[in-house]
Amino acid sequence: MKIRAYYEDTDAGGIVYHANYLKYCERARSEIFFERGLSPAIGDAQFVVVNINADFKVSAKLGDMLNVTTVLKSHKRSSLVLAQEVFRDGELLFRMDVTLVFVEGTKPKRLTGDVLELFTVDKP
C-alpha cells in the first residue's frame, strides 16, 4: 500500500512520529479487506492485536512516499502473525511482526480458509 507522510504525521523537524508507523501498518491491513469490497469486521468477529515486535531502522520525513507491505508469517486456529514493513524508494525504514487474534465478542474464533487466503494472495 502506498501512503504519503503528511505534515500531521511529523514532529516540528519534519520527522515522522514513531506511532504513525503503527497507523500505516494498520491501514495496510485494513486495505487488504477494503480493496476486495470487504470489511475487517466479519459479521460479529474481528481481529485484535495481542502483540507487536517493532524495529525502527530509518526515519521517514515530511512528503516521503512510503510503501507498506504485509506478509503472512504463520497462523494457528484463531491467530496469525503478519510481517509488515515500511519502505521509502526500496529502503527499509520500519518492520514489525504483529500477532492478531480473530475474536467474536471476547472469545477466539476459528480462522476460515477464505480469511487466511486474503493474507496469502500475491500482492503487486
C-alpha atoms as a PDB file:
ATOM      1  CA  MET A   1       0.000   0.000   0.000  1.00  0.00           C
ATOM      2  CA  LYS A   2       1.308   3.445  -0.885  1.00  0.00           C
ATOM      3  CA  ILE A   3       0.979   6.280   1.614  1.00  0.00           C
ATOM      4  CA  ARG A   4       2.473   9.762   1.798  1.00  0.00           C
ATOM      5  CA  ALA A   5       3.875  11.238   5.016  1.00  0.00           C
ATOM      6  CA  TYR A   6       1.923  14.428   5.671  1.00  0.00           C
ATOM      7  CA  TYR A   7       2.640  17.333   7.992  1.00  0.00           C
ATOM      8  CA  GLU A   8       0.204  15.894  10.554  1.00  0.00           C
ATOM      9  CA  ASP A   9       2.388  12.746  10.703  1.00  0.00           C
ATOM     10  CA  THR A  10       5.564  14.589  11.664  1.00  0.00           C
ATOM     11  CA  ASP A  11       7.175  16.430  14.546  1.00  0.00           C
ATOM     12  CA  ALA A  12       8.411  20.027  14.318  1.00  0.00           C
ATOM     13  CA  GLY A  13      11.536  18.837  12.470  1.00  0.00           C
ATOM     14  CA  GLY A  14       9.556  17.087   9.737  1.00  0.00           C
ATOM     15  CA  ILE A  15      10.373  13.569  11.001  1.00  0.00           C
ATOM     16  CA  VAL A  16       7.531  11.017  11.057  1.00  0.00           C
ATOM     17  CA  TYR A  17       6.473  10.376  14.658  1.00  0.00           C
ATOM     18  CA  HIS A  18       7.104   6.755  15.715  1.00  0.00           C
ATOM     19  CA  ALA A  19       3.464   5.869  16.458  1.00  0.00           C
ATOM     20  CA  ASN A  20       2.472   6.688  12.882  1.00  0.00           C
ATOM     21  CA  TYR A  21       4.329   3.637  11.548  1.00  0.00           C
ATOM     22  CA  LEU A  22       1.842   1.523  13.527  1.00  0.00           C
ATOM     23  CA  LYS A  23      -1.003   3.511  11.955  1.00  0.00           C
ATOM     24  CA  TYR A  24       0.417   2.991   8.472  1.00  0.00           C
ATOM     25  CA  CYS A  25       0.579  -0.759   9.085  1.00  0.00           C
ATOM     26  CA  GLU A  26      -2.970  -0.809  10.473  1.00  0.00           C
ATOM     27  CA  ARG A  27      -4.196   0.992   7.356  1.00  0.00           C
ATOM     28  CA  ALA A  28      -2.385  -1.510   5.127  1.00  0.00           C
ATOM     29  CA  ARG A  29      -4.029  -4.442   6.955  1.00  0.00           C
ATOM     30  CA  SER A  30      -7.451  -2.807   6.583  1.00  0.00           C
ATOM     31  CA  GLU A  31      -6.837  -2.101   2.878  1.00  0.00           C
ATOM     32  CA  ILE A  32      -6.348  -5.825   2.262  1.00  0.00           C
ATOM     33  CA  PHE A  33     -10.064  -6.145   3.031  1.00  0.00           C
ATOM     34  CA  PHE A  34     -11.306  -2.840   1.592  1.00  0.00           C
ATOM     35  CA  GLU A  35      -9.692  -3.330  -1.833  1.00  0.00           C
ATOM     36  CA  ARG A  36     -11.758  -6.518  -2.160  1.00  0.00           C
ATOM     37  CA  GLY A  37     -15.013  -4.859  -1.089  1.00  0.00           C
ATOM     38  CA  LEU A  38     -14.857  -6.486   2.354  1.00  0.00           C
ATOM     39  CA  SER A  39     -14.593  -5.221   5.910  1.00  0.00           C
ATOM     40  CA  PRO A  40     -12.011  -6.162   8.558  1.00  0.00           C
ATOM     41  CA  ALA A  41     -15.044  -6.801  10.800  1.00  0.00           C
ATOM     42  CA  ILE A  42     -16.527 -10.066   9.511  1.00  0.00           C
ATOM     43  CA  GLY A  43     -20.022 -10.432  10.866  1.00  0.00           C
ATOM     44  CA  ASP A  44     -19.650 -10.123  14.635  1.00  0.00           C
ATOM     45  CA  ALA A  45     -15.982 -11.151  14.510  1.00  0.00           C
ATOM     46  CA  GLN A  46     -12.874  -9.017  14.164  1.00  0.00           C
ATOM     47  CA  PHE A  47      -9.106  -9.063  14.584  1.00  0.00           C
ATOM     48  CA  VAL A  48      -7.490  -7.719  17.734  1.00  0.00           C
ATOM     49  CA  VAL A  49      -3.788  -7.028  18.178  1.00  0.00           C
ATOM     50  CA  VAL A  50      -2.230  -9.018  21.003  1.00  0.00           C
ATOM     51  CA  ASN A  51       1.478  -8.480  20.343  1.00  0.00           C
ATOM     52  CA  ILE A  52       3.765  -6.218  18.321  1.00  0.00           C
ATOM     53  CA  ASN A  53       7.513  -6.562  17.902  1.00  0.00           C
ATOM     54  CA  ALA A  54       8.731  -3.412  16.133  1.00  0.00           C
ATOM     55  CA  ASP A  55      12.103  -2.353  14.771  1.00  0.00           C
ATOM     56  CA  PHE A  56      12.691   1.260  13.702  1.00  0.00           C
ATOM     57  CA  LYS A  57      15.524   1.475  11.145  1.00  0.00           C
ATOM     58  CA  VAL A  58      15.475   4.904   9.452  1.00  0.00           C
ATOM     59  CA  SER A  59      13.144   7.873   9.830  1.00  0.00           C
ATOM     60  CA  ALA A  60      10.665   8.887   7.181  1.00  0.00           C
ATOM     61  CA  LYS A  61      10.260  12.594   6.518  1.00  0.00           C
ATOM     62  CA  LEU A  62       7.542  15.019   5.522  1.00  0.00           C
ATOM     63  CA  GLY A  63       6.441  14.369   1.941  1.00  0.00           C
ATOM     64  CA  ASP A  64       8.018  10.927   1.614  1.00  0.00           C
ATOM     65  CA  MET A  65       6.055   8.396  -0.421  1.00  0.00           C
ATOM     66  CA  LEU A  66       6.049   5.166   1.556  1.00  0.00           C
ATOM     67  CA  ASN A  67       5.183   1.599   0.636  1.00  0.00           C
ATOM     68  CA  VAL A  68       3.791  -0.741   3.301  1.00  0.00           C
ATOM     69  CA  THR A  69       3.987  -4.493   2.701  1.00  0.00           C
ATOM     70  CA  THR A  70       2.161  -7.238   4.585  1.00  0.00           C
ATOM     71  CA  VAL A  71       3.131 -10.912   4.548  1.00  0.00           C
ATOM     72  CA  LEU A  72       1.591 -13.806   6.461  1.00  0.00           C
ATOM     73  CA  LYS A  73       4.348 -15.448   8.539  1.00  0.00           C
ATOM     74  CA  SER A  74       2.321 -18.073  10.387  1.00  0.00           C
ATOM     75  CA  HIS A  75      -1.130 -18.928  11.654  1.00  0.00           C
ATOM     76  CA  LYS A  76      -2.872 -21.096  14.191  1.00  0.00           C
ATOM     77  CA  ARG A  77      -6.515 -21.964  14.766  1.00  0.00           C
ATOM     78  CA  SER A  78      -7.624 -18.402  15.624  1.00  0.00           C
ATOM     79  CA  SER A  79      -4.481 -16.275  15.342  1.00  0.00           C
ATOM     80  CA  LEU A  80      -1.984 -15.170  12.763  1.00  0.00           C
ATOM     81  CA  VAL A  81       1.362 -13.412  12.671  1.00  0.00           C
ATOM     82  CA  LEU A  82       1.989 -10.844   9.949  1.00  0.00           C
ATOM     83  CA  ALA A  83       5.313  -9.298   8.981  1.00  0.00           C
ATOM     84  CA  GLN A  84       4.816  -5.682   7.937  1.00  0.00           C
ATOM     85  CA  GLU A  85       7.482  -3.414   6.516  1.00  0.00           C
ATOM     86  CA  VAL A  86       7.591   0.252   5.514  1.00  0.00           C
ATOM     87  CA  PHE A  87       9.889   1.262   2.657  1.00  0.00           C
ATOM     88  CA  ARG A  88      10.919   4.523   1.003  1.00  0.00           C
ATOM     89  CA  ASP A  89      12.337   4.061  -2.505  1.00  0.00           C
ATOM     90  CA  GLY A  90      13.251   0.458  -1.658  1.00  0.00           C
ATOM     91  CA  GLU A  91      14.970   1.369   1.631  1.00  0.00           C
ATOM     92  CA  LEU A  92      13.592  -0.404   4.711  1.00  0.00           C
ATOM     93  CA  LEU A  93      12.532   2.174   7.318  1.00  0.00           C
ATOM     94  CA  PHE A  94      10.447   0.105   9.730  1.00  0.00           C
ATOM     95  CA  ARG A  95       9.449  -3.503  10.258  1.00  0.00           C
ATOM     96  CA  MET A  96       7.208  -5.275  12.701  1.00  0.00           C
ATOM     97  CA  ASP A  97       5.694  -8.629  13.444  1.00  0.00           C
ATOM     98  CA  VAL A  98       2.129  -8.283  14.658  1.00  0.00           C
ATOM     99  CA  THR A  99       0.100 -11.084  16.214  1.00  0.00           C
ATOM    100  CA  LEU A 100      -3.646 -10.846  15.664  1.00  0.00           C
ATOM    101  CA  VAL A 101      -6.378 -12.962  17.189  1.00  0.00           C
ATOM    102  CA  PHE A 102      -9.713 -13.370  15.424  1.00  0.00           C
ATOM    103  CA  VAL A 103     -12.438 -12.952  18.054  1.00  0.00           C
ATOM    104  CA  GLU A 104     -16.204 -12.914  18.266  1.00  0.00           C
ATOM    105  CA  GLY A 105     -17.138 -10.915  21.322  1.00  0.00           C
ATOM    106  CA  THR A 106     -14.379 -11.862  23.735  1.00  0.00           C
ATOM    107  CA  LYS A 107     -13.831 -15.437  22.517  1.00  0.00           C
ATOM    108  CA  PRO A 108     -11.337 -16.626  19.905  1.00  0.00           C
ATOM    109  CA  LYS A 109     -12.964 -17.752  16.675  1.00  0.00           C
ATOM    110  CA  ARG A 110     -11.550 -20.213  14.138  1.00  0.00           C
ATOM    111  CA  LEU A 111      -9.964 -18.591  11.086  1.00  0.00           C
ATOM    112  CA  THR A 112     -11.557 -19.762   7.865  1.00  0.00           C
ATOM    113  CA  GLY A 113      -9.647 -20.540   4.684  1.00  0.00           C
ATOM    114  CA  ASP A 114     -11.110 -17.566   2.842  1.00  0.00           C
ATOM    115  CA  VAL A 115      -9.889 -15.167   5.547  1.00  0.00           C
ATOM    116  CA  LEU A 116      -6.401 -16.691   5.526  1.00  0.00           C
ATOM    117  CA  GLU A 117      -6.367 -16.507   1.726  1.00  0.00           C
ATOM    118  CA  LEU A 118      -6.662 -12.702   1.947  1.00  0.00           C
ATOM    119  CA  PHE A 119      -3.208 -12.623   3.501  1.00  0.00           C
ATOM    120  CA  THR A 120      -1.577 -15.191   1.216  1.00  0.00           C
ATOM    121  CA  VAL A 121      -2.512 -13.857  -2.213  1.00  0.00           C
ATOM    122  CA  ASP A 122       0.473 -12.310  -4.030  1.00  0.00           C
ATOM    123  CA  LYS A 123       0.427  -8.523  -3.850  1.00  0.00           C
ATOM    124  CA  PRO A 124       1.677  -6.273  -6.679  1.00  0.00           C
END
